[in-house]
Amino acid sequence: MRSAIVAALLLTACTTKDSAQDPLDWIDHAEPAGMAKQDIAAGRFRFLSICGYACELPGVGDMTYFRCYSGSASVETVDGTSDVIRSDRHLRLQNKALILASDYNQLIARKLDELGKRTCPIGEQWDALFLALSDYVKRVTAERSGAWVFAFDDPESRRHDFRIHSRGGNGVGEATRSSICEVVSQHGIQRLVRFAETVGDLETPQKTERFSCKAGKLATLGSV
């Protein structure tokens, strides 16, 4: 009798565990256009964040959100997305959640644009610019020390929008700075964009210079 009771308890525990609802179960039946329509009708403006190794806002981008939409929409992380993949099913749902969030976020961004709630000019591509700058700076410094580009969500407190860091040498140089300004303009950004250029140790650089771009041209240059 005791064995039968133990077996029954184990069966109940296993059944409960297997049938527990996965936080991503709803993804299989979700439809981004319907979700967006319902949320817009309710005046609920949000962007969906998907977490893997890091969290991201697919279809919009973190930099674009902070510069263009943070005053008019919130960010909600999709529960259950993670860099810890539990099963093949979880991987499938995670990938499906990424696609759904991208479609949904673009619909919400489009509506915010229509309502005049975007706080930066339409056409500015901040996240695409960040990727382009990272690629460009690495290419032009390939024969030297290598370099990195950092982007920030709080540019006003830092007094720059991007930081370019080189381990050695004299930095990217003025000719490359002019080319960087052209890259900025190619991504629809004509307003003032500020750069800090550091050389040496990442935390305590030996040299820091600043330059700015506006309308595709090198605007200012100075040392601090």
N, C-alpha and C. Protein backbone atom coordinates (compact mmCIF):
# COMPACT_ATOMS: atom_id res chain seq x y z
N MET A 1 0.83 -1.20 0.00
CA MET A 1 0.00 0.00 0.00
C MET A 1 0.86 1.26 0.00
N ARG A 2 1.94 1.22 0.85
CA ARG A 2 2.84 2.37 0.94
C ARG A 2 3.47 2.67 -0.42
N SER A 3 3.90 1.61 -1.14
CA SER A 3 4.52 1.79 -2.46
C SER A 3 3.55 2.41 -3.44
N ALA A 4 2.29 1.99 -3.34
CA ALA A 4 1.28 2.52 -4.25
C ALA A 4 1.05 4.00 -3.99
N ILE A 5 1.05 4.40 -2.70
CA ILE A 5 0.85 5.81 -2.34
C ILE A 5 2.01 6.66 -2.84
N VAL A 6 3.26 6.15 -2.61
CA VAL A 6 4.45 6.88 -3.07
C VAL A 6 4.42 7.04 -4.58
N ALA A 7 4.05 5.98 -5.29
CA ALA A 7 4.00 6.04 -6.75
C ALA A 7 2.98 7.06 -7.21
N ALA A 8 1.84 7.10 -6.51
CA ALA A 8 0.79 8.05 -6.87
C ALA A 8 1.25 9.48 -6.64
N LEU A 9 1.95 9.71 -5.54
CA LEU A 9 2.47 11.06 -5.24
C LEU A 9 3.50 11.50 -6.27
N LEU A 10 4.37 10.55 -6.65
CA LEU A 10 5.38 10.89 -7.66
C LEU A 10 4.73 11.21 -8.99
N LEU A 11 3.70 10.46 -9.37
CA LEU A 11 3.00 10.69 -10.62
C LEU A 11 2.34 12.06 -10.61
N THR A 12 1.72 12.40 -9.46
CA THR A 12 1.08 13.71 -9.34
C THR A 12 2.09 14.83 -9.46
N ALA A 13 3.25 14.68 -8.81
CA ALA A 13 4.29 15.71 -8.86
C ALA A 13 4.80 15.89 -10.27
N CYS A 14 5.04 14.78 -10.96
CA CYS A 14 5.56 14.86 -12.33
C CYS A 14 4.54 15.49 -13.26
N THR A 15 3.27 15.12 -13.10
CA THR A 15 2.22 15.66 -13.95
C THR A 15 2.08 17.16 -13.73
N THR A 16 2.16 17.59 -12.46
CA THR A 16 2.06 19.02 -12.15
C THR A 16 3.21 19.78 -12.76
N LYS A 17 4.41 19.23 -12.67
CA LYS A 17 5.59 19.88 -13.21
C LYS A 17 5.51 20.00 -14.72
N ASP A 18 5.09 18.91 -15.38
CA ASP A 18 5.04 18.89 -16.84
C ASP A 18 3.96 19.80 -17.39
N SER A 19 2.85 19.95 -16.61
CA SER A 19 1.73 20.72 -17.12
C SER A 19 1.77 22.18 -16.68
N ALA A 20 2.78 22.53 -15.89
CA ALA A 20 2.89 23.92 -15.44
C ALA A 20 3.01 24.83 -16.66
N GLN A 21 2.33 25.92 -16.60
CA GLN A 21 2.30 26.83 -17.76
C GLN A 21 3.65 27.50 -17.95
N ASP A 22 4.16 27.45 -19.15
CA ASP A 22 5.40 28.15 -19.49
C ASP A 22 5.07 29.61 -19.74
N PRO A 23 5.89 30.54 -19.24
CA PRO A 23 5.60 31.97 -19.44
C PRO A 23 5.49 32.37 -20.91
N LEU A 24 6.08 31.55 -21.80
CA LEU A 24 6.05 31.89 -23.23
C LEU A 24 4.97 31.14 -24.00
N ASP A 25 4.11 30.41 -23.31
CA ASP A 25 3.07 29.65 -24.00
C ASP A 25 2.21 30.52 -24.91
N TRP A 26 1.93 31.75 -24.48
CA TRP A 26 1.04 32.63 -25.24
C TRP A 26 1.61 33.02 -26.60
N ILE A 27 2.92 32.91 -26.77
CA ILE A 27 3.57 33.33 -28.01
C ILE A 27 3.03 32.56 -29.21
N ASP A 28 2.73 31.28 -29.01
CA ASP A 28 2.25 30.46 -30.13
C ASP A 28 0.95 30.98 -30.72
N HIS A 29 0.17 31.70 -29.93
CA HIS A 29 -1.13 32.17 -30.40
C HIS A 29 -1.20 33.69 -30.55
N ALA A 30 -0.07 34.36 -30.36
CA ALA A 30 -0.06 35.82 -30.40
C ALA A 30 0.02 36.33 -31.83
N GLU A 31 -0.57 37.47 -32.07
CA GLU A 31 -0.56 38.10 -33.39
C GLU A 31 -0.23 39.58 -33.19
N PRO A 32 0.92 40.04 -33.68
CA PRO A 32 1.40 41.39 -33.35
C PRO A 32 0.46 42.51 -33.76
N ALA A 33 -0.16 42.39 -34.95
CA ALA A 33 -1.04 43.47 -35.40
C ALA A 33 -2.25 43.60 -34.48
N GLY A 34 -2.82 42.46 -34.07
CA GLY A 34 -3.95 42.50 -33.16
C GLY A 34 -3.56 43.05 -31.80
N MET A 35 -2.40 42.65 -31.30
CA MET A 35 -1.92 43.16 -30.02
C MET A 35 -1.73 44.67 -30.07
N ALA A 36 -1.09 45.13 -31.13
CA ALA A 36 -0.82 46.56 -31.26
C ALA A 36 -2.11 47.35 -31.37
N LYS A 37 -3.05 46.85 -32.15
CA LYS A 37 -4.34 47.54 -32.32
C LYS A 37 -5.06 47.68 -30.98
N GLN A 38 -5.06 46.60 -30.22
CA GLN A 38 -5.74 46.61 -28.92
C GLN A 38 -5.05 47.57 -27.96
N ASP A 39 -3.74 47.55 -27.91
CA ASP A 39 -3.00 48.42 -26.99
C ASP A 39 -3.15 49.89 -27.38
N ILE A 40 -3.11 50.17 -28.67
CA ILE A 40 -3.25 51.56 -29.13
C ILE A 40 -4.64 52.08 -28.78
N ALA A 41 -5.66 51.25 -28.97
CA ALA A 41 -7.04 51.66 -28.64
C ALA A 41 -7.18 51.96 -27.15
N ALA A 42 -6.40 51.25 -26.33
CA ALA A 42 -6.46 51.45 -24.88
C ALA A 42 -5.50 52.55 -24.41
N GLY A 43 -4.77 53.15 -25.36
CA GLY A 43 -3.80 54.18 -24.99
C GLY A 43 -2.60 53.62 -24.27
N ARG A 44 -2.31 52.36 -24.50
CA ARG A 44 -1.18 51.68 -23.85
C ARG A 44 -0.01 51.62 -24.81
N PHE A 45 0.93 52.50 -24.63
CA PHE A 45 2.09 52.55 -25.53
C PHE A 45 3.30 51.98 -24.81
N ARG A 46 3.80 50.89 -25.34
CA ARG A 46 4.94 50.19 -24.75
C ARG A 46 5.74 49.53 -25.86
N PHE A 47 6.97 49.21 -25.57
CA PHE A 47 7.80 48.41 -26.46
C PHE A 47 8.17 47.13 -25.72
N LEU A 48 8.25 46.03 -26.46
CA LEU A 48 8.57 44.74 -25.88
C LEU A 48 10.06 44.47 -25.96
N SER A 49 10.64 44.12 -24.82
CA SER A 49 12.07 43.82 -24.73
C SER A 49 12.25 42.31 -24.63
N ILE A 50 13.21 41.80 -25.40
CA ILE A 50 13.52 40.37 -25.39
C ILE A 50 14.91 40.19 -24.78
N CYS A 51 15.02 39.30 -23.82
CA CYS A 51 16.30 39.08 -23.14
C CYS A 51 16.95 37.78 -23.60
N GLY A 52 18.21 37.89 -23.95
CA GLY A 52 19.04 36.74 -24.23
C GLY A 52 20.30 36.94 -23.42
N TYR A 53 21.45 37.01 -24.10
CA TYR A 53 22.69 37.37 -23.39
C TYR A 53 22.54 38.76 -22.79
N ALA A 54 21.84 39.65 -23.52
CA ALA A 54 21.46 40.96 -23.02
C ALA A 54 20.03 41.22 -23.47
N CYS A 55 19.41 42.23 -22.92
CA CYS A 55 18.04 42.57 -23.33
C CYS A 55 18.09 43.57 -24.48
N GLU A 56 17.15 43.46 -25.40
CA GLU A 56 17.13 44.34 -26.56
C GLU A 56 15.69 44.68 -26.93
N LEU A 57 15.56 45.75 -27.70
CA LEU A 57 14.26 46.18 -28.21
C LEU A 57 14.24 45.94 -29.71
N PRO A 58 13.90 44.74 -30.15
CA PRO A 58 13.93 44.42 -31.59
C PRO A 58 12.96 45.29 -32.37
N GLY A 59 13.39 45.67 -33.56
CA GLY A 59 12.54 46.49 -34.42
C GLY A 59 12.63 47.97 -34.15
N VAL A 60 13.19 48.35 -33.00
CA VAL A 60 13.32 49.76 -32.65
C VAL A 60 14.77 50.09 -32.27
N GLY A 61 15.31 49.37 -31.29
CA GLY A 61 16.68 49.60 -30.84
C GLY A 61 16.72 50.46 -29.60
N ASP A 62 17.68 50.15 -28.74
CA ASP A 62 17.79 50.86 -27.46
C ASP A 62 18.09 52.34 -27.64
N MET A 63 19.05 52.67 -28.50
CA MET A 63 19.42 54.08 -28.66
C MET A 63 18.26 54.89 -29.24
N THR A 64 17.59 54.32 -30.23
CA THR A 64 16.46 55.02 -30.84
C THR A 64 15.35 55.22 -29.81
N TYR A 65 15.13 54.20 -28.97
CA TYR A 65 14.10 54.33 -27.93
C TYR A 65 14.42 55.50 -27.00
N PHE A 66 15.62 55.52 -26.46
CA PHE A 66 15.96 56.55 -25.49
C PHE A 66 15.96 57.96 -26.09
N ARG A 67 16.34 58.07 -27.36
CA ARG A 67 16.41 59.40 -27.97
C ARG A 67 15.08 59.84 -28.60
N CYS A 68 14.23 58.89 -28.90
CA CYS A 68 13.03 59.24 -29.67
C CYS A 68 11.70 58.89 -29.02
N TYR A 69 11.67 57.88 -28.14
CA TYR A 69 10.38 57.40 -27.65
C TYR A 69 10.27 57.27 -26.13
N SER A 70 11.34 57.48 -25.40
CA SER A 70 11.30 57.21 -23.96
C SER A 70 10.29 58.08 -23.22
N GLY A 71 9.95 59.24 -23.79
CA GLY A 71 8.99 60.11 -23.13
C GLY A 71 7.54 59.75 -23.41
N SER A 72 7.31 58.84 -24.35
CA SER A 72 5.93 58.53 -24.74
C SER A 72 5.58 57.05 -24.66
N ALA A 73 6.54 56.18 -24.37
CA ALA A 73 6.26 54.75 -24.29
C ALA A 73 7.16 54.09 -23.25
N SER A 74 6.63 53.06 -22.61
CA SER A 74 7.40 52.32 -21.62
C SER A 74 8.07 51.11 -22.28
N VAL A 75 8.84 50.38 -21.50
CA VAL A 75 9.47 49.14 -21.97
C VAL A 75 9.03 48.01 -21.05
N GLU A 76 8.57 46.93 -21.65
CA GLU A 76 8.17 45.74 -20.88
C GLU A 76 8.95 44.53 -21.39
N THR A 77 9.61 43.85 -20.48
CA THR A 77 10.35 42.65 -20.85
C THR A 77 9.40 41.46 -20.97
N VAL A 78 9.53 40.71 -22.02
CA VAL A 78 8.70 39.52 -22.22
C VAL A 78 9.17 38.45 -21.25
N ASP A 79 8.32 38.12 -20.30
CA ASP A 79 8.65 37.14 -19.27
C ASP A 79 8.92 35.77 -19.90
N GLY A 80 10.01 35.17 -19.47
CA GLY A 80 10.35 33.83 -19.97
C GLY A 80 11.47 33.84 -20.99
N THR A 81 11.79 35.01 -21.56
CA THR A 81 12.92 35.08 -22.49
C THR A 81 14.21 35.15 -21.68
N SER A 82 15.22 34.45 -22.15
CA SER A 82 16.44 34.31 -21.35
C SER A 82 17.56 33.76 -22.21
N ASP A 83 18.80 33.91 -21.72
CA ASP A 83 19.92 33.28 -22.41
C ASP A 83 20.10 31.83 -21.96
N VAL A 84 19.34 31.41 -20.97
CA VAL A 84 19.36 30.01 -20.52
C VAL A 84 18.22 29.27 -21.23
N ILE A 85 18.56 28.49 -22.23
CA ILE A 85 17.57 27.78 -23.03
C ILE A 85 17.30 26.43 -22.38
N ARG A 86 16.03 26.20 -22.03
CA ARG A 86 15.66 25.01 -21.26
C ARG A 86 15.36 23.80 -22.14
N SER A 87 14.96 24.05 -23.37
CA SER A 87 14.57 22.94 -24.24
C SER A 87 14.48 23.43 -25.68
N ASP A 88 14.29 22.50 -26.60
CA ASP A 88 14.09 22.87 -28.00
C ASP A 88 12.83 23.73 -28.14
N ARG A 89 11.81 23.39 -27.37
CA ARG A 89 10.57 24.17 -27.43
C ARG A 89 10.81 25.60 -26.94
N HIS A 90 11.56 25.73 -25.87
CA HIS A 90 11.86 27.07 -25.35
C HIS A 90 12.64 27.89 -26.38
N LEU A 91 13.59 27.25 -27.07
CA LEU A 91 14.35 27.95 -28.11
C LEU A 91 13.43 28.42 -29.22
N ARG A 92 12.48 27.55 -29.62
CA ARG A 92 11.55 27.92 -30.67
C ARG A 92 10.69 29.11 -30.24
N LEU A 93 10.19 29.07 -29.02
CA LEU A 93 9.35 30.16 -28.52
C LEU A 93 10.16 31.44 -28.35
N GLN A 94 11.40 31.30 -27.93
CA GLN A 94 12.26 32.48 -27.77
C GLN A 94 12.46 33.16 -29.13
N ASN A 95 12.74 32.38 -30.15
CA ASN A 95 12.93 32.94 -31.48
C ASN A 95 11.64 33.56 -32.02
N LYS A 96 10.53 32.90 -31.74
CA LYS A 96 9.25 33.42 -32.18
C LYS A 96 8.90 34.71 -31.44
N ALA A 97 9.26 34.79 -30.16
CA ALA A 97 9.03 36.00 -29.38
C ALA A 97 9.84 37.17 -29.94
N LEU A 98 11.05 36.89 -30.41
CA LEU A 98 11.89 37.94 -30.99
C LEU A 98 11.24 38.52 -32.24
N ILE A 99 10.71 37.66 -33.10
CA ILE A 99 10.05 38.11 -34.33
C ILE A 99 8.78 38.89 -34.00
N LEU A 100 7.99 38.36 -33.06
CA LEU A 100 6.76 39.03 -32.68
C LEU A 100 7.04 40.42 -32.09
N ALA A 101 8.04 40.51 -31.21
CA ALA A 101 8.36 41.79 -30.59
C ALA A 101 8.83 42.80 -31.62
N SER A 102 9.61 42.34 -32.60
CA SER A 102 10.08 43.24 -33.65
C SER A 102 8.91 43.81 -34.44
N ASP A 103 7.98 42.94 -34.84
CA ASP A 103 6.81 43.40 -35.60
C ASP A 103 5.94 44.34 -34.76
N TYR A 104 5.69 43.94 -33.52
CA TYR A 104 4.85 44.74 -32.63
C TYR A 104 5.49 46.11 -32.38
N ASN A 105 6.77 46.11 -32.07
CA ASN A 105 7.46 47.37 -31.75
C ASN A 105 7.44 48.35 -32.93
N GLN A 106 7.60 47.82 -34.13
CA GLN A 106 7.56 48.69 -35.31
C GLN A 106 6.18 49.30 -35.51
N LEU A 107 5.13 48.53 -35.22
CA LEU A 107 3.77 49.06 -35.33
C LEU A 107 3.52 50.16 -34.31
N ILE A 108 4.01 49.96 -33.09
CA ILE A 108 3.84 50.98 -32.05
C ILE A 108 4.64 52.23 -32.39
N ALA A 109 5.86 52.05 -32.88
CA ALA A 109 6.69 53.20 -33.26
C ALA A 109 6.02 53.99 -34.38
N ARG A 110 5.46 53.28 -35.34
CA ARG A 110 4.79 53.94 -36.47
C ARG A 110 3.61 54.78 -35.98
N LYS A 111 2.86 54.24 -35.02
CA LYS A 111 1.71 54.97 -34.50
C LYS A 111 2.16 56.19 -33.70
N LEU A 112 3.21 56.05 -32.92
CA LEU A 112 3.74 57.19 -32.16
C LEU A 112 4.22 58.28 -33.11
N ASP A 113 4.81 57.87 -34.23
CA ASP A 113 5.23 58.85 -35.24
C ASP A 113 4.02 59.60 -35.79
N GLU A 114 2.95 58.85 -36.09
CA GLU A 114 1.74 59.47 -36.63
C GLU A 114 1.12 60.46 -35.64
N LEU A 115 1.22 60.16 -34.36
CA LEU A 115 0.63 61.01 -33.32
C LEU A 115 1.54 62.17 -32.93
N GLY A 116 2.71 62.25 -33.55
CA GLY A 116 3.64 63.32 -33.23
C GLY A 116 4.30 63.16 -31.88
N LYS A 117 4.39 61.91 -31.40
CA LYS A 117 4.96 61.66 -30.09
C LYS A 117 6.44 61.25 -30.16
N ARG A 118 6.98 61.24 -31.35
CA ARG A 118 8.42 60.95 -31.51
C ARG A 118 9.19 62.24 -31.22
N THR A 119 10.21 62.15 -30.38
CA THR A 119 10.94 63.35 -29.96
C THR A 119 12.24 63.56 -30.73
N CYS A 120 12.45 62.81 -31.78
CA CYS A 120 13.59 63.06 -32.66
C CYS A 120 13.06 63.00 -34.09
N PRO A 121 13.74 63.64 -35.03
CA PRO A 121 13.25 63.65 -36.41
C PRO A 121 13.10 62.25 -36.99
N ILE A 122 12.03 62.04 -37.73
CA ILE A 122 11.83 60.77 -38.42
C ILE A 122 12.96 60.59 -39.44
N GLY A 123 13.52 59.41 -39.45
CA GLY A 123 14.64 59.15 -40.36
C GLY A 123 15.96 58.99 -39.64
N GLU A 124 16.03 59.44 -38.36
CA GLU A 124 17.26 59.24 -37.60
C GLU A 124 17.39 57.76 -37.23
N GLN A 125 18.53 57.17 -37.56
CA GLN A 125 18.75 55.74 -37.34
C GLN A 125 19.91 55.56 -36.35
N TRP A 126 19.62 55.73 -35.08
CA TRP A 126 20.67 55.74 -34.07
C TRP A 126 21.34 54.38 -33.89
N ASP A 127 20.57 53.33 -33.84
CA ASP A 127 21.16 52.01 -33.62
C ASP A 127 21.93 51.53 -34.84
N ALA A 128 21.41 51.82 -36.02
CA ALA A 128 22.15 51.48 -37.24
C ALA A 128 23.44 52.28 -37.31
N LEU A 129 23.40 53.52 -36.85
CA LEU A 129 24.61 54.35 -36.83
C LEU A 129 25.65 53.74 -35.91
N PHE A 130 25.23 53.30 -34.74
CA PHE A 130 26.17 52.71 -33.79
C PHE A 130 26.89 51.51 -34.40
N LEU A 131 26.15 50.63 -35.07
CA LEU A 131 26.76 49.47 -35.71
C LEU A 131 27.70 49.88 -36.82
N ALA A 132 27.30 50.89 -37.61
CA ALA A 132 28.14 51.35 -38.71
C ALA A 132 29.42 51.99 -38.19
N LEU A 133 29.32 52.77 -37.12
CA LEU A 133 30.51 53.39 -36.53
C LEU A 133 31.46 52.34 -35.98
N SER A 134 30.91 51.34 -35.32
CA SER A 134 31.75 50.27 -34.76
C SER A 134 32.52 49.56 -35.87
N ASP A 135 31.84 49.25 -36.96
CA ASP A 135 32.48 48.58 -38.09
C ASP A 135 33.53 49.49 -38.73
N TYR A 136 33.18 50.75 -38.93
CA TYR A 136 34.09 51.66 -39.61
C TYR A 136 35.36 51.92 -38.80
N VAL A 137 35.19 52.19 -37.51
CA VAL A 137 36.35 52.49 -36.67
C VAL A 137 37.28 51.29 -36.57
N LYS A 138 36.73 50.09 -36.48
CA LYS A 138 37.58 48.90 -36.44
C LYS A 138 38.36 48.74 -37.75
N ARG A 139 37.73 49.07 -38.87
CA ARG A 139 38.42 48.93 -40.16
C ARG A 139 39.54 49.94 -40.31
N VAL A 140 39.29 51.17 -39.91
CA VAL A 140 40.32 52.19 -40.13
C VAL A 140 41.46 52.08 -39.13
N THR A 141 41.27 51.33 -38.06
CA THR A 141 42.35 51.15 -37.08
C THR A 141 42.94 49.75 -37.13
N ALA A 142 42.59 48.98 -38.14
CA ALA A 142 43.02 47.58 -38.20
C ALA A 142 44.54 47.44 -38.23
N GLU A 143 45.26 48.40 -38.84
CA GLU A 143 46.72 48.32 -38.92
C GLU A 143 47.39 48.89 -37.68
N ARG A 144 46.57 49.48 -36.80
CA ARG A 144 47.12 50.08 -35.58
C ARG A 144 46.70 49.25 -34.36
N SER A 145 46.18 49.88 -33.35
CA SER A 145 45.93 49.17 -32.09
C SER A 145 44.55 48.54 -32.01
N GLY A 146 43.67 48.88 -32.91
CA GLY A 146 42.27 48.47 -32.76
C GLY A 146 41.55 49.49 -31.91
N ALA A 147 40.25 49.55 -32.06
CA ALA A 147 39.47 50.54 -31.31
C ALA A 147 38.06 50.04 -31.10
N TRP A 148 37.37 50.67 -30.17
CA TRP A 148 35.98 50.32 -29.86
C TRP A 148 35.14 51.58 -29.84
N VAL A 149 33.88 51.41 -30.12
CA VAL A 149 32.92 52.50 -30.03
C VAL A 149 31.89 52.14 -28.96
N PHE A 150 31.62 53.09 -28.06
CA PHE A 150 30.63 52.90 -27.00
C PHE A 150 29.51 53.92 -27.20
N ALA A 151 28.29 53.47 -26.97
CA ALA A 151 27.14 54.36 -27.06
C ALA A 151 26.49 54.46 -25.69
N PHE A 152 25.79 55.58 -25.44
CA PHE A 152 25.27 55.82 -24.11
C PHE A 152 23.80 56.24 -24.15
N ASP A 153 23.08 55.82 -23.10
CA ASP A 153 21.67 56.19 -22.98
C ASP A 153 21.49 57.55 -22.31
N ASP A 154 22.55 58.04 -21.67
CA ASP A 154 22.47 59.32 -20.95
C ASP A 154 23.50 60.31 -21.49
N PRO A 155 23.37 60.68 -22.76
CA PRO A 155 24.40 61.53 -23.38
C PRO A 155 24.55 62.89 -22.73
N GLU A 156 23.50 63.43 -22.14
CA GLU A 156 23.60 64.77 -21.56
C GLU A 156 24.52 64.78 -20.35
N SER A 157 24.41 63.78 -19.49
CA SER A 157 25.26 63.75 -18.30
C SER A 157 26.72 63.47 -18.65
N ARG A 158 26.95 62.76 -19.76
CA ARG A 158 28.32 62.44 -20.16
C ARG A 158 28.93 63.49 -21.08
N ARG A 159 28.08 64.30 -21.67
CA ARG A 159 28.48 65.36 -22.60
C ARG A 159 28.97 64.80 -23.93
N HIS A 160 28.63 63.56 -24.23
CA HIS A 160 28.90 63.02 -25.57
C HIS A 160 27.93 61.89 -25.85
N ASP A 161 27.71 61.65 -27.15
CA ASP A 161 26.79 60.59 -27.59
C ASP A 161 27.52 59.27 -27.80
N PHE A 162 28.77 59.35 -28.24
CA PHE A 162 29.58 58.17 -28.49
C PHE A 162 30.98 58.39 -27.93
N ARG A 163 31.61 57.28 -27.56
CA ARG A 163 33.02 57.33 -27.16
C ARG A 163 33.80 56.37 -28.04
N ILE A 164 34.88 56.86 -28.61
CA ILE A 164 35.78 56.03 -29.41
C ILE A 164 37.05 55.83 -28.60
N HIS A 165 37.39 54.58 -28.33
CA HIS A 165 38.57 54.31 -27.50
C HIS A 165 39.60 53.49 -28.27
N SER A 166 40.85 53.93 -28.21
CA SER A 166 41.96 53.22 -28.82
C SER A 166 42.96 52.84 -27.74
N ARG A 167 43.54 51.66 -27.86
CA ARG A 167 44.52 51.23 -26.87
C ARG A 167 45.82 52.01 -26.98
N GLY A 168 46.18 52.37 -28.20
CA GLY A 168 47.45 53.06 -28.40
C GLY A 168 47.41 53.98 -29.60
N GLY A 169 48.55 54.54 -29.96
CA GLY A 169 48.61 55.45 -31.08
C GLY A 169 48.09 56.83 -30.72
N ASN A 170 47.68 57.57 -31.72
CA ASN A 170 47.21 58.94 -31.51
C ASN A 170 45.71 59.10 -31.75
N GLY A 171 45.01 57.96 -31.76
CA GLY A 171 43.58 58.05 -32.02
C GLY A 171 43.29 57.91 -33.50
N VAL A 172 42.06 58.18 -33.90
CA VAL A 172 41.68 57.96 -35.28
C VAL A 172 42.18 59.05 -36.23
N GLY A 173 42.43 60.25 -35.72
CA GLY A 173 42.95 61.32 -36.57
C GLY A 173 41.86 62.17 -37.19
N GLU A 174 42.22 63.39 -37.59
CA GLU A 174 41.23 64.35 -38.06
C GLU A 174 40.57 63.93 -39.37
N ALA A 175 41.34 63.31 -40.28
CA ALA A 175 40.74 62.88 -41.55
C ALA A 175 39.65 61.84 -41.30
N THR A 176 39.92 60.92 -40.39
CA THR A 176 38.93 59.90 -40.06
C THR A 176 37.74 60.52 -39.36
N ARG A 177 37.98 61.54 -38.56
CA ARG A 177 36.86 62.23 -37.90
C ARG A 177 35.90 62.82 -38.93
N SER A 178 36.45 63.39 -39.97
CA SER A 178 35.59 63.94 -41.02
C SER A 178 34.77 62.84 -41.68
N SER A 179 35.39 61.68 -41.89
CA SER A 179 34.67 60.55 -42.47
C SER A 179 33.59 60.04 -41.53
N ILE A 180 33.88 60.07 -40.23
CA ILE A 180 32.88 59.67 -39.23
C ILE A 180 31.67 60.57 -39.31
N CYS A 181 31.89 61.86 -39.52
CA CYS A 181 30.78 62.80 -39.64
C CYS A 181 29.92 62.47 -40.87
N GLU A 182 30.55 62.01 -41.93
CA GLU A 182 29.79 61.61 -43.11
C GLU A 182 28.93 60.38 -42.81
N VAL A 183 29.47 59.44 -42.03
CA VAL A 183 28.72 58.26 -41.64
C VAL A 183 27.49 58.65 -40.81
N VAL A 184 27.67 59.62 -39.91
CA VAL A 184 26.56 60.11 -39.10
C VAL A 184 25.45 60.65 -40.00
N SER A 185 25.83 61.46 -40.96
CA SER A 185 24.85 62.07 -41.87
C SER A 185 24.14 61.02 -42.71
N GLN A 186 24.86 59.99 -43.11
CA GLN A 186 24.27 58.93 -43.93
C GLN A 186 23.16 58.17 -43.19
N HIS A 187 23.12 58.30 -41.88
CA HIS A 187 22.09 57.63 -41.08
C HIS A 187 21.01 58.60 -40.64
N GLY A 188 20.85 59.65 -41.42
CA GLY A 188 19.72 60.56 -41.22
C GLY A 188 19.84 61.51 -40.06
N ILE A 189 21.02 61.67 -39.51
CA ILE A 189 21.20 62.51 -38.32
C ILE A 189 21.99 63.75 -38.71
N GLN A 190 21.31 64.87 -38.75
CA GLN A 190 21.93 66.12 -39.16
C GLN A 190 22.24 67.02 -37.96
N ARG A 191 21.63 66.73 -36.82
CA ARG A 191 21.86 67.56 -35.64
C ARG A 191 23.25 67.31 -35.07
N LEU A 192 23.62 68.07 -34.05
CA LEU A 192 24.93 67.94 -33.42
C LEU A 192 25.05 66.58 -32.74
N VAL A 193 26.09 65.85 -33.07
CA VAL A 193 26.41 64.57 -32.43
C VAL A 193 27.81 64.69 -31.85
N ARG A 194 27.95 64.41 -30.56
CA ARG A 194 29.21 64.66 -29.86
C ARG A 194 29.98 63.36 -29.61
N PHE A 195 31.28 63.44 -29.79
CA PHE A 195 32.17 62.29 -29.59
C PHE A 195 33.23 62.63 -28.57
N ALA A 196 33.57 61.65 -27.74
CA ALA A 196 34.77 61.71 -26.91
C ALA A 196 35.71 60.65 -27.46
N GLU A 197 36.95 61.04 -27.69
CA GLU A 197 37.94 60.10 -28.20
C GLU A 197 39.03 59.92 -27.15
N THR A 198 39.17 58.68 -26.66
CA THR A 198 40.14 58.40 -25.61
C THR A 198 41.20 57.43 -26.11
N VAL A 199 42.40 57.56 -25.52
CA VAL A 199 43.53 56.73 -25.91
C VAL A 199 44.20 56.21 -24.65
N GLY A 200 44.60 54.92 -24.66
CA GLY A 200 45.31 54.34 -23.53
C GLY A 200 44.46 53.39 -22.74
N ASP A 201 44.55 53.47 -21.41
CA ASP A 201 43.76 52.62 -20.54
C ASP A 201 42.29 53.02 -20.62
N LEU A 202 41.42 52.00 -20.64
CA LEU A 202 40.00 52.26 -20.81
C LEU A 202 39.43 53.10 -19.67
N GLU A 203 39.82 52.78 -18.43
CA GLU A 203 39.27 53.47 -17.27
C GLU A 203 39.97 54.79 -16.99
N THR A 204 41.27 54.83 -17.22
CA THR A 204 42.05 56.06 -16.96
C THR A 204 42.87 56.41 -18.20
N PRO A 205 42.22 56.90 -19.25
CA PRO A 205 42.93 57.18 -20.51
C PRO A 205 43.99 58.27 -20.35
N GLN A 206 45.06 58.12 -21.13
CA GLN A 206 46.12 59.12 -21.11
C GLN A 206 45.72 60.40 -21.83
N LYS A 207 44.79 60.28 -22.75
CA LYS A 207 44.38 61.46 -23.52
C LYS A 207 42.91 61.36 -23.86
N THR A 208 42.23 62.48 -23.75
CA THR A 208 40.83 62.56 -24.15
C THR A 208 40.63 63.79 -25.02
N GLU A 209 40.10 63.59 -26.20
CA GLU A 209 39.77 64.71 -27.07
C GLU A 209 38.29 64.62 -27.44
N ARG A 210 37.72 65.76 -27.77
CA ARG A 210 36.31 65.80 -28.13
C ARG A 210 36.15 66.44 -29.50
N PHE A 211 35.21 65.89 -30.26
CA PHE A 211 34.85 66.53 -31.52
C PHE A 211 33.37 66.30 -31.76
N SER A 212 32.80 67.10 -32.61
CA SER A 212 31.36 67.01 -32.88
C SER A 212 31.12 67.03 -34.38
N CYS A 213 30.00 66.45 -34.77
CA CYS A 213 29.58 66.46 -36.16
C CYS A 213 28.22 67.14 -36.27
N LYS A 214 28.04 67.86 -37.34
CA LYS A 214 26.74 68.47 -37.60
C LYS A 214 26.55 68.57 -39.10
N ALA A 215 25.41 68.04 -39.57
CA ALA A 215 25.07 68.06 -40.99
C ALA A 215 26.19 67.45 -41.85
N GLY A 216 26.82 66.39 -41.33
CA GLY A 216 27.84 65.68 -42.09
C GLY A 216 29.22 66.30 -42.06
N LYS A 217 29.38 67.38 -41.29
CA LYS A 217 30.67 68.08 -41.25
C LYS A 217 31.25 68.06 -39.85
N LEU A 218 32.58 68.13 -39.79
CA LEU A 218 33.27 68.24 -38.51
C LEU A 218 32.98 69.62 -37.94
N ALA A 219 32.45 69.64 -36.70
CA ALA A 219 31.99 70.91 -36.13
C ALA A 219 33.00 71.51 -35.17
N THR A 220 33.42 70.77 -34.16
CA THR A 220 34.34 71.34 -33.16
C THR A 220 35.38 70.31 -32.80
N LEU A 221 36.45 70.77 -32.19
CA LEU A 221 37.56 69.90 -31.79
C LEU A 221 38.21 70.52 -30.57
N GLY A 222 38.49 69.71 -29.55
CA GLY A 222 39.14 70.25 -28.38
C GLY A 222 39.64 69.15 -27.47
N SER A 223 40.53 69.51 -26.56
CA SER A 223 41.09 68.55 -25.60
C SER A 223 40.58 68.89 -24.22
N VAL A 224 40.46 67.87 -23.36
CA VAL A 224 40.06 68.09 -21.97
C VAL A 224 40.99 67.31 -21.07
